[in-house]
Amino acid sequence: MQVLSVLSHLLDYPTAEFVEAKDELLSIIAESSLQAETKHRLIGFIETQCAKNLMDWQAQYDGLFERGRALGLWLFEHVHGESRDRGQAMVDLIEQYKQAGLELSQNELPDYIPLFLEFLATQGQANAQQWLSEVEHILALLLCRLEKRESDYSVVFATLLEIAQSNIDLEALREQVNGEKRDDTKQAIDKEWEEEAVTFGAPDANSCPSAVNRPSESQRKDQYVPVTWTGFNQQAS
C-alpha cells in the first residue's frame, strides 16, 4: 500500500526531499482507496505543510513529537514505558522483521512508527490492515492527544485507523485524554529531567533513529508474519 509509505514520511522528520516529492505523494493519495473526505483532508494537510518555511515545519514537528512522551512515535513506549518488557518486545519484533526479509540498521528501533509503516507498505493491504488493527488503541490515543492540541497531524492517525477498519470508541478515549496533564511544558520537562536515572552502557532505547530505511526488495507482500503486540489493548499508565 503506497499510501502507507506517504503516511510514514509524514510522520518522520520533515525534509526538503519530502517537499520536492509533494506532487508525487499527492497523486498516490488521490489514487488510493481512502474515503473521499480522508483524501481531501490529507491533501490539504500536505499542501499546507509544504507551503510553510521548512524550518518552521521542523520546529512544529519538534514541538509535538520531540517534547514529552505523550506523543512519542515509539509504539512500545506507550505500552511498556521504560520497563524491561519493552526491550524484549523490540527483540521479538526485530526477529519477526527478519523473518519477513527486513534488516534494520544498528541505530533503528523497530517500534518507530514511520519505520513500521514503511514495512507495512510492502506487505499488502490485508496484512497491513491486520497489523494496524492490532495497534489501534495506540494510534487512537495519539489521534486524540493531537486533537486536544488542535494539531492537523491528527489526520494522519485518523487515516491509519480508517485503513485498520477500526471500531474503537474514540469518544471514550477523548474523555480520558481530556483528563491528562500536558507533559511538554517547561515545568513537566524539568521534572522529568530531575527524575531521570543516570544509566551507563548501551544507548538509550528512546534515542531517535536518524532516518527510515525502506524494506528490501526481498520482502514478499503475501508473506504474513504475525506480530505479538502483548498489552496493546490495555490502557497505558
Protein backbone atom coordinates (compact mmCIF):
# COMPACT_ATOMS: atom_id res chain seq x y z
CA MET A 1 0.00 0.00 0.00
CA GLN A 2 1.81 3.09 -1.25
CA VAL A 3 -0.33 5.39 0.85
CA LEU A 4 1.27 3.90 3.98
CA SER A 5 4.66 4.99 2.68
CA VAL A 6 3.30 8.54 2.30
CA LEU A 7 1.99 8.45 5.88
CA SER A 8 5.35 7.11 7.05
CA HIS A 9 7.16 10.10 5.57
CA LEU A 10 4.58 12.49 7.00
CA LEU A 11 5.32 11.19 10.49
CA ASP A 12 9.08 11.28 10.01
CA TYR A 13 11.16 14.44 10.43
CA PRO A 14 10.26 16.98 7.69
CA THR A 15 12.82 17.25 4.89
CA ALA A 16 13.33 19.20 1.68
CA GLU A 17 13.08 15.88 -0.20
CA PHE A 18 9.50 15.46 1.01
CA VAL A 19 8.57 18.92 -0.21
CA GLU A 20 10.17 18.24 -3.60
CA ALA A 21 8.18 15.00 -3.92
CA LYS A 22 4.89 16.66 -2.99
CA ASP A 23 3.16 16.21 -6.36
CA GLU A 24 4.01 12.52 -6.48
CA LEU A 25 2.77 11.99 -2.93
CA LEU A 26 -0.47 13.84 -3.63
CA SER A 27 -1.00 11.65 -6.68
CA ILE A 28 -0.62 8.49 -4.57
CA ILE A 29 -3.24 9.76 -2.13
CA ALA A 30 -5.63 10.77 -4.92
CA GLU A 31 -5.40 7.30 -6.49
CA SER A 32 -5.73 5.41 -3.20
CA SER A 33 -8.85 3.64 -1.93
CA LEU A 34 -9.25 6.03 1.00
CA GLN A 35 -12.59 7.71 1.59
CA ALA A 36 -13.10 10.98 -0.30
CA GLU A 37 -13.19 13.07 2.87
CA THR A 38 -9.96 11.47 4.12
CA LYS A 39 -8.25 12.19 0.80
CA HIS A 40 -9.42 15.81 0.97
CA ARG A 41 -8.08 16.27 4.50
CA LEU A 42 -4.74 14.57 3.76
CA ILE A 43 -4.17 16.54 0.58
CA GLY A 44 -4.99 19.77 2.38
CA PHE A 45 -2.59 18.88 5.21
CA ILE A 46 0.28 18.15 2.83
CA GLU A 47 -0.36 21.30 0.81
CA THR A 48 -0.38 23.41 3.99
CA GLN A 49 2.75 21.85 5.45
CA CYS A 50 4.75 22.04 2.23
CA ALA A 51 3.81 25.70 1.81
CA LYS A 52 5.48 26.53 5.12
CA ASN A 53 9.07 27.52 5.59
CA LEU A 54 10.82 24.18 6.15
CA MET A 55 12.44 25.31 9.39
CA ASP A 56 9.03 26.39 10.71
CA TRP A 57 7.62 22.97 9.86
CA GLN A 58 10.55 21.27 11.57
CA ALA A 59 10.06 23.43 14.66
CA GLN A 60 6.38 22.47 14.73
CA TYR A 61 7.34 18.80 14.44
CA ASP A 62 9.88 19.08 17.27
CA GLY A 63 7.33 20.80 19.49
CA LEU A 64 4.86 17.97 19.01
CA PHE A 65 6.86 14.77 18.85
CA GLU A 66 10.20 15.54 20.48
CA ARG A 67 8.97 17.13 23.73
CA GLY A 68 7.48 14.84 26.32
CA ARG A 69 6.39 11.24 25.85
CA ALA A 70 2.65 11.61 25.31
CA LEU A 71 3.14 11.97 21.54
CA GLY A 72 6.21 9.77 21.23
CA LEU A 73 6.39 7.86 17.96
CA TRP A 74 7.58 4.59 19.53
CA LEU A 75 4.78 2.07 19.88
CA PHE A 76 6.19 0.02 22.74
CA GLU A 77 6.84 3.09 24.89
CA HIS A 78 3.09 3.60 25.16
CA VAL A 79 2.69 0.03 26.42
CA HIS A 80 5.82 -0.84 28.37
CA GLY A 81 7.33 2.55 29.21
CA GLU A 82 10.89 2.02 30.41
CA SER A 83 10.31 -1.48 31.77
CA ARG A 84 12.41 -4.47 30.72
CA ASP A 85 9.41 -5.81 28.83
CA ARG A 86 9.95 -3.12 26.20
CA GLY A 87 13.43 -4.40 25.38
CA GLN A 88 12.20 -7.96 24.96
CA ALA A 89 9.27 -6.79 22.84
CA MET A 90 11.67 -4.99 20.48
CA VAL A 91 13.89 -8.07 20.24
CA ASP A 92 10.84 -10.13 19.28
CA LEU A 93 9.72 -7.59 16.67
CA ILE A 94 13.20 -7.36 15.14
CA GLU A 95 13.19 -11.14 14.77
CA GLN A 96 9.81 -11.06 13.06
CA TYR A 97 11.02 -8.31 10.72
CA LYS A 98 13.95 -10.53 9.79
CA GLN A 99 11.61 -13.44 9.05
CA ALA A 100 9.84 -11.16 6.56
CA GLY A 101 13.14 -10.14 4.93
CA LEU A 102 13.70 -6.76 6.59
CA GLU A 103 17.12 -5.95 8.01
CA LEU A 104 17.42 -2.94 10.31
CA SER A 105 20.50 -0.81 10.71
CA GLN A 106 22.07 -0.75 14.16
CA ASN A 107 20.55 2.59 15.19
CA GLU A 108 16.96 1.86 14.14
CA LEU A 109 14.28 0.96 16.67
CA PRO A 110 11.68 -1.46 15.27
CA ASP A 111 8.73 0.18 17.04
CA TYR A 112 9.36 3.62 15.49
CA ILE A 113 6.04 4.27 13.75
CA PRO A 114 7.44 5.66 10.44
CA LEU A 115 9.65 2.57 10.10
CA PHE A 116 6.76 0.28 11.00
CA LEU A 117 4.59 1.92 8.32
CA GLU A 118 7.32 1.61 5.68
CA PHE A 119 7.41 -2.08 6.47
CA LEU A 120 3.64 -2.46 6.26
CA ALA A 121 3.63 -0.63 2.92
CA THR A 122 5.34 -3.69 1.41
CA GLN A 123 3.08 -6.32 2.95
CA GLY A 124 -0.18 -5.97 1.04
CA GLN A 125 -3.49 -4.46 2.09
CA ALA A 126 -4.82 -7.40 4.11
CA ASN A 127 -1.66 -7.81 6.17
CA ALA A 128 -1.31 -4.06 6.70
CA GLN A 129 -4.90 -3.84 7.91
CA GLN A 130 -4.33 -6.75 10.31
CA TRP A 131 -1.22 -5.25 11.88
CA LEU A 132 -2.73 -1.77 12.19
CA SER A 133 -5.83 -3.19 13.85
CA GLU A 134 -3.58 -4.79 16.47
CA VAL A 135 -2.16 -1.38 17.45
CA GLU A 136 -5.37 0.61 17.01
CA HIS A 137 -5.54 1.65 20.67
CA ILE A 138 -2.15 3.38 20.45
CA LEU A 139 -3.00 5.03 17.12
CA ALA A 140 -6.31 6.24 18.54
CA LEU A 141 -4.63 7.57 21.69
CA LEU A 142 -2.18 9.60 19.61
CA LEU A 143 -5.05 10.84 17.45
CA CYS A 144 -6.98 12.09 20.46
CA ARG A 145 -3.92 13.75 22.01
CA LEU A 146 -3.20 15.56 18.75
CA GLU A 147 -6.83 16.65 18.54
CA LYS A 148 -6.57 18.05 22.06
CA ARG A 149 -3.59 20.12 20.94
CA GLU A 150 -5.54 21.18 17.84
CA SER A 151 -2.85 19.74 15.57
CA ASP A 152 -3.62 18.88 11.96
CA TYR A 153 -1.25 15.92 12.33
CA SER A 154 -4.29 14.13 13.76
CA VAL A 155 -5.44 13.42 10.18
CA VAL A 156 -2.51 11.02 9.72
CA PHE A 157 -3.67 8.85 12.61
CA ALA A 158 -7.31 9.13 11.55
CA THR A 159 -6.22 7.75 8.17
CA LEU A 160 -4.37 4.85 9.79
CA LEU A 161 -7.48 3.96 11.80
CA GLU A 162 -9.52 4.03 8.59
CA ILE A 163 -7.09 1.63 6.92
CA ALA A 164 -7.27 -0.59 10.02
CA GLN A 165 -11.09 -0.55 9.75
CA SER A 166 -11.08 0.33 13.43
CA ASN A 167 -14.25 0.48 15.51
CA ILE A 168 -12.55 1.81 18.62
CA ASP A 169 -14.59 4.14 20.84
CA LEU A 170 -12.90 7.49 20.22
CA GLU A 171 -15.30 9.41 22.45
CA ALA A 172 -14.24 7.37 25.48
CA LEU A 173 -10.59 7.95 24.64
CA ARG A 174 -11.20 11.68 24.20
CA GLU A 175 -12.66 11.82 27.71
CA GLN A 176 -9.59 10.00 29.02
CA VAL A 177 -7.21 12.35 27.19
CA ASN A 178 -9.06 15.45 28.37
CA GLY A 179 -8.13 14.49 31.92
CA GLU A 180 -4.41 14.15 31.14
CA LYS A 181 -1.85 16.75 32.12
CA ARG A 182 0.46 18.05 29.40
CA ASP A 183 3.99 16.63 29.65
CA ASP A 184 5.59 19.07 27.20
CA THR A 185 5.54 22.17 29.41
CA LYS A 186 8.78 23.59 30.82
CA GLN A 187 7.77 22.52 34.32
CA ALA A 188 6.93 18.96 33.22
CA ILE A 189 10.17 18.60 31.27
CA ASP A 190 12.25 19.93 34.17
CA LYS A 191 10.55 17.42 36.49
CA GLU A 192 11.27 14.60 34.03
CA TRP A 193 14.97 15.53 33.97
CA GLU A 194 15.07 15.60 37.77
CA GLU A 195 13.59 12.10 37.97
CA GLU A 196 15.61 10.59 35.10
CA ALA A 197 18.01 7.92 36.31
CA VAL A 198 21.61 8.02 35.13
CA THR A 199 22.45 4.98 33.01
CA PHE A 200 25.65 3.68 31.50
CA GLY A 201 26.41 1.24 28.72
CA ALA A 202 24.13 0.69 25.73
CA PRO A 203 22.42 3.69 24.09
CA ASP A 204 19.04 4.68 25.47
CA ALA A 205 16.16 2.97 23.68
CA ASN A 206 14.46 6.34 23.35
CA SER A 207 17.08 7.78 21.02
CA CYS A 208 15.53 8.77 17.73
CA PRO A 209 16.59 7.00 14.54
CA SER A 210 18.29 9.36 12.16
CA ALA A 211 16.38 8.05 9.17
CA VAL A 212 13.93 5.44 7.98
CA ASN A 213 15.34 2.74 5.71
CA ARG A 214 12.94 1.26 3.22
CA PRO A 215 12.36 -2.51 3.33
CA SER A 216 14.44 -4.60 0.97
CA GLU A 217 13.20 -5.91 -2.35
CA SER A 218 13.28 -9.45 -0.95
CA GLN A 219 10.21 -8.84 1.16
CA ARG A 220 7.03 -10.52 -0.03
CA LYS A 221 3.64 -8.85 0.09
CA ASP A 222 1.93 -12.19 0.57
CA GLN A 223 4.10 -13.25 3.48
CA TYR A 224 2.25 -12.67 6.74
CA VAL A 225 4.43 -12.89 9.83
CA PRO A 226 2.22 -12.49 12.91
CA VAL A 227 3.40 -9.84 15.34
CA THR A 228 2.70 -10.26 19.05
CA TRP A 229 1.54 -6.93 20.49
CA THR A 230 1.03 -8.05 24.08
CA GLY A 231 -0.68 -5.37 26.12
CA PHE A 232 -1.59 -3.02 23.27
CA ASN A 233 -5.26 -3.08 24.14
CA GLN A 234 -4.56 -2.15 27.73
CA GLN A 235 -4.54 1.49 28.73
CA ALA A 236 -1.06 2.91 29.17
CA SER A 237 -0.46 4.01 32.70
